[in-house]
Amino acid sequence: MFRRFQQLVFCAFLTLIAGCYAGYFANRAAGGGTDAAVGEEHDVPYDTHDAFVMTQDALREGGVLFEVKPDDKLVTLWRDADEQAGVFGSLVGLHPQYRYEIEVLPQGDRRARIVVNVRTQDMSDESLAKYKANARLNLFGKIDQIAAQFPPAGGTPKEGGVNYALLPNEDLKGLAKRATGSENSWRQIAQDNGIKSPGEAAGLPSIWVRNSLMVSQKGASSP
């Protein structure tokens, strides 16, 4: 009788182990137990330092803890994912989690690119998209809001020109015409402000126009 009981216990143990490994391999087949990353980019018309500071402010606003790394990099602490590893996954040590690895890169004068990679562990590839920083935290939206409410002091030069605000429905060509008397000035204004196209100026709190463009225009409109 006791020998029979031992055999039953041994079989149950084997079944449990088999179930654990079956769950483990099934999870890996779905992308679990792996390390994966996917990235997003967002260009801002500010220098690297200002973009780096605003990114930190946006993370703090979202309640996200992070570490500041050299070379304008940030790494958030690991956060538990919404999905669960399951009973068997937990038994073999699977722990679905994610974090953000952020880097700010210069893109010319007074322009920077914020690159955000979301890194996940023990999660399926299908779930990566919903953990992107902009989908999860509205990170880029918060950065733009902070920039609009508290424009960085280093965003435009403090002397040698005038800061203009765009009028309703006005693009960069319209501003160039109003400030300098010539639409053709928009290319130089765009270059000075790190803008690539006339319509891109719409989201900026102000546009800097150098004095040399306004020298020939007497009685120019006030900003």
Protein backbone atom coordinates (compact mmCIF):
# COMPACT_ATOMS: atom_id res chain seq x y z
CA MET A 1 0.00 0.00 0.00
CA PHE A 2 2.79 2.41 0.96
CA ARG A 3 4.69 1.53 -2.24
CA ARG A 4 1.57 2.30 -4.24
CA PHE A 5 1.31 5.67 -2.51
CA GLN A 6 4.96 6.45 -3.36
CA GLN A 7 4.29 5.67 -7.01
CA LEU A 8 1.31 8.02 -7.07
CA VAL A 9 3.30 10.84 -5.45
CA PHE A 10 6.15 10.32 -7.92
CA CYS A 11 3.75 10.42 -10.90
CA ALA A 12 2.10 13.58 -9.57
CA PHE A 13 5.53 15.17 -9.21
CA LEU A 14 6.44 14.30 -12.79
CA THR A 15 3.12 15.68 -14.01
CA LEU A 16 3.72 18.95 -12.18
CA ILE A 17 7.24 19.31 -13.60
CA ALA A 18 6.01 18.49 -17.08
CA GLY A 19 3.27 21.07 -16.72
CA CYS A 20 5.75 23.69 -15.58
CA TYR A 21 8.04 23.12 -18.53
CA ALA A 22 5.11 22.94 -20.92
CA GLY A 23 3.95 26.32 -19.65
CA TYR A 24 7.51 27.65 -19.82
CA PHE A 25 8.06 26.59 -23.43
CA ALA A 26 4.57 27.71 -24.44
CA ASN A 27 5.32 31.10 -22.93
CA ARG A 28 8.66 31.35 -24.76
CA ALA A 29 6.95 30.39 -28.00
CA ALA A 30 4.69 33.40 -27.51
CA GLY A 31 7.64 35.67 -26.79
CA GLY A 32 7.85 35.22 -23.01
CA GLY A 33 11.16 34.64 -21.28
CA THR A 34 12.83 36.93 -23.82
CA ASP A 35 14.18 40.46 -23.86
CA ALA A 36 12.71 42.72 -26.56
CA ALA A 37 12.69 46.43 -27.39
CA VAL A 38 10.83 48.78 -29.72
CA GLY A 39 11.50 52.50 -30.22
CA GLU A 40 9.80 55.85 -30.87
CA GLU A 41 11.19 59.26 -31.88
CA HIS A 42 10.05 62.84 -31.31
CA ASP A 43 11.78 65.98 -32.64
CA VAL A 44 11.58 69.23 -30.67
CA PRO A 45 12.76 72.74 -31.60
CA TYR A 46 15.00 73.07 -28.55
CA ASP A 47 18.61 72.27 -27.80
CA THR A 48 19.67 68.96 -26.29
CA HIS A 49 19.91 70.24 -22.73
CA ASP A 50 16.42 71.75 -22.73
CA ALA A 51 14.92 68.64 -24.35
CA PHE A 52 16.66 66.46 -21.75
CA VAL A 53 15.30 68.54 -18.85
CA MET A 54 11.75 68.60 -20.26
CA THR A 55 11.82 64.81 -20.72
CA GLN A 56 12.70 64.40 -17.05
CA ASP A 57 9.89 66.78 -16.05
CA ALA A 58 7.41 64.79 -18.16
CA LEU A 59 8.48 61.51 -16.52
CA ARG A 60 8.12 63.02 -13.04
CA GLU A 61 4.67 64.31 -13.94
CA GLY A 62 3.72 60.76 -14.91
CA GLY A 63 5.05 59.34 -11.64
CA VAL A 64 7.81 57.40 -13.38
CA LEU A 65 11.03 56.78 -11.46
CA PHE A 66 14.24 56.94 -13.48
CA GLU A 67 18.01 57.11 -13.34
CA VAL A 68 20.04 59.79 -15.12
CA LYS A 69 22.86 58.31 -17.20
CA PRO A 70 25.82 59.98 -18.96
CA ASP A 71 25.48 61.41 -22.50
CA ASP A 72 21.92 62.70 -22.07
CA LYS A 73 20.40 59.29 -21.37
CA LEU A 74 17.67 58.19 -18.97
CA VAL A 75 16.64 54.70 -17.86
CA THR A 76 13.41 54.17 -15.94
CA LEU A 77 13.11 51.55 -13.23
CA TRP A 78 11.49 48.24 -14.13
CA ARG A 79 7.70 48.27 -13.81
CA ASP A 80 5.37 45.29 -13.56
CA ALA A 81 3.36 44.65 -16.72
CA ASP A 82 -0.42 44.32 -16.76
CA GLU A 83 -0.27 40.75 -18.02
CA GLN A 84 0.52 37.90 -15.65
CA ALA A 85 2.99 35.06 -16.09
CA GLY A 86 0.41 32.48 -15.01
CA VAL A 87 0.81 29.66 -12.49
CA PHE A 88 3.35 27.65 -14.45
CA GLY A 89 5.21 30.75 -15.62
CA SER A 90 5.53 31.94 -12.02
CA LEU A 91 6.87 28.56 -10.95
CA VAL A 92 9.73 28.80 -13.47
CA GLY A 93 10.48 32.40 -12.56
CA LEU A 94 8.84 34.40 -15.36
CA HIS A 95 8.13 38.01 -14.41
CA PRO A 96 6.56 40.22 -17.12
CA GLN A 97 7.97 43.75 -16.79
CA TYR A 98 9.06 46.74 -18.83
CA ARG A 99 11.16 49.90 -18.68
CA TYR A 100 12.07 52.86 -20.90
CA GLU A 101 15.53 53.68 -22.21
CA ILE A 102 15.66 57.29 -23.40
CA GLU A 103 18.31 59.22 -25.28
CA VAL A 104 18.32 62.84 -26.49
CA LEU A 105 20.29 63.47 -29.68
CA PRO A 106 21.26 66.83 -31.22
CA GLN A 107 19.76 67.58 -34.62
CA GLY A 108 21.48 70.87 -35.41
CA ASP A 109 21.20 74.29 -33.80
CA ARG A 110 18.39 74.46 -31.25
CA ARG A 111 16.84 71.17 -32.31
CA ALA A 112 16.90 67.74 -30.67
CA ARG A 113 15.47 64.25 -31.15
CA ILE A 114 14.09 62.31 -28.20
CA VAL A 115 14.46 58.55 -28.76
CA VAL A 116 12.51 56.27 -26.42
CA ASN A 117 12.93 52.50 -26.44
CA VAL A 118 10.60 50.35 -24.39
CA ARG A 119 12.37 47.20 -23.20
CA THR A 120 10.32 44.25 -22.00
CA GLN A 121 11.05 40.92 -20.35
CA ASP A 122 8.95 37.76 -20.28
CA MET A 123 6.26 39.31 -22.47
CA SER A 124 4.82 38.37 -25.84
CA ASP A 125 5.76 40.42 -28.91
CA GLU A 126 2.08 41.15 -29.52
CA SER A 127 1.90 43.20 -26.31
CA LEU A 128 4.86 45.48 -27.06
CA ALA A 129 2.87 48.21 -28.81
CA LYS A 130 0.66 49.03 -25.83
CA TYR A 131 3.73 49.64 -23.66
CA LYS A 132 5.25 52.31 -25.93
CA ALA A 133 5.94 55.48 -23.98
CA ASN A 134 3.57 57.66 -25.96
CA ALA A 135 0.71 55.16 -25.75
CA ARG A 136 1.32 54.38 -22.09
CA LEU A 137 2.34 57.77 -20.70
CA ASN A 138 1.51 60.28 -23.45
CA LEU A 139 5.18 61.19 -22.97
CA PHE A 140 5.65 63.26 -26.12
CA GLY A 141 2.37 65.08 -25.53
CA LYS A 142 3.46 65.97 -21.99
CA ILE A 143 6.83 67.23 -23.25
CA ASP A 144 5.07 69.51 -25.75
CA GLN A 145 2.69 70.76 -23.06
CA ILE A 146 5.57 71.58 -20.72
CA ALA A 147 7.37 73.42 -23.53
CA ALA A 148 4.24 75.46 -24.30
CA GLN A 149 3.59 76.37 -20.66
CA PHE A 150 7.23 77.00 -19.71
CA PRO A 151 9.23 77.77 -22.86
CA PRO A 152 12.91 76.90 -22.32
CA ALA A 153 15.11 79.97 -21.92
CA GLY A 154 17.68 78.46 -24.26
CA GLY A 155 15.20 77.79 -27.05
CA THR A 156 15.98 80.98 -28.90
CA PRO A 157 18.85 83.51 -28.65
CA LYS A 158 18.43 86.24 -26.02
CA GLU A 159 19.82 89.02 -28.21
CA GLY A 160 20.36 89.95 -31.84
CA GLY A 161 16.73 89.51 -32.80
CA VAL A 162 13.08 89.58 -31.81
CA ASN A 163 10.72 86.80 -30.70
CA TYR A 164 7.41 86.75 -32.57
CA ALA A 165 4.24 84.81 -31.82
CA LEU A 166 2.35 83.39 -34.78
CA LEU A 167 -1.05 84.89 -35.47
CA PRO A 168 -4.08 82.58 -35.87
CA ASN A 169 -3.83 80.61 -39.14
CA GLU A 170 -0.40 82.12 -39.85
CA ASP A 171 2.48 79.94 -41.03
CA LEU A 172 6.19 80.73 -41.22
CA LYS A 173 5.90 82.41 -44.63
CA GLY A 174 3.19 84.68 -43.29
CA LEU A 175 5.32 85.57 -40.28
CA ALA A 176 8.30 86.26 -42.53
CA LYS A 177 6.19 88.63 -44.63
CA ARG A 178 4.88 90.39 -41.52
CA ALA A 179 8.23 90.70 -39.75
CA THR A 180 10.63 91.31 -42.63
CA GLY A 181 8.48 92.36 -45.56
CA SER A 182 9.41 89.31 -47.64
CA GLU A 183 8.11 85.74 -47.62
CA ASN A 184 11.50 84.59 -48.88
CA SER A 185 12.97 85.23 -45.44
CA TRP A 186 11.22 82.15 -44.08
CA ARG A 187 14.11 79.83 -44.97
CA GLN A 188 16.60 81.77 -42.85
CA ILE A 189 14.07 82.07 -40.03
CA ALA A 190 13.41 78.33 -40.24
CA GLN A 191 17.13 77.56 -40.08
CA ASP A 192 17.61 79.84 -37.06
CA ASN A 193 14.77 78.12 -35.21
CA GLY A 194 15.51 74.53 -36.24
CA ILE A 195 12.37 74.26 -38.36
CA LYS A 196 12.18 72.17 -41.52
CA SER A 197 8.97 73.44 -43.18
CA PRO A 198 6.69 76.53 -42.95
CA GLY A 199 3.83 74.60 -41.35
CA GLU A 200 6.04 73.10 -38.66
CA ALA A 201 6.16 76.40 -36.76
CA ALA A 202 2.53 76.07 -35.65
CA GLY A 203 3.35 74.28 -32.40
CA LEU A 204 6.03 76.74 -31.24
CA PRO A 205 5.32 79.37 -28.55
CA SER A 206 7.55 81.90 -30.34
CA ILE A 207 9.72 82.35 -33.43
CA TRP A 208 13.02 84.23 -33.29
CA VAL A 209 13.78 86.61 -36.16
CA ARG A 210 17.30 88.02 -36.42
CA ASN A 211 17.73 91.78 -36.62
CA SER A 212 19.61 91.64 -39.90
CA LEU A 213 16.47 90.39 -41.67
CA MET A 214 14.51 93.39 -40.40
CA VAL A 215 17.09 96.10 -41.08
CA SER A 216 15.65 97.06 -44.45
CA GLN A 217 12.08 97.12 -43.15
CA LYS A 218 11.19 100.39 -41.49
CA GLY A 219 8.14 100.46 -39.36
CA ALA A 220 7.90 96.64 -39.14
CA SER A 221 4.96 95.25 -37.25
CA SER A 222 5.55 94.88 -33.54
CA PRO A 223 5.84 91.26 -32.30
